[in-house]
């Protein structure tokens, strides 16, 4: 019975240092503001879109985000 030796592909590859890209605050600011606005909007619709602060009449938004409300611990019944 012959023994076959298989070399690991990672063992023969030279190690390269990890280089992270440098991103300036000026170039990241619009994306950060967009992310904060979207998180705030989603948070509003999941947590507060009903009753006196309702933007849309009816129960449609409440029903669309109903399970998310329970998952995040918002009372709704």
Foldseek 3Di string as FASTA:
>chain_A
DDDDDDDDPVVPDDDDDDDDDDDDCVRCVVVVVVVVVVVVVVCCLLAPQDDPPHPDPDCVSCVVNVVVNVVVPHDDD
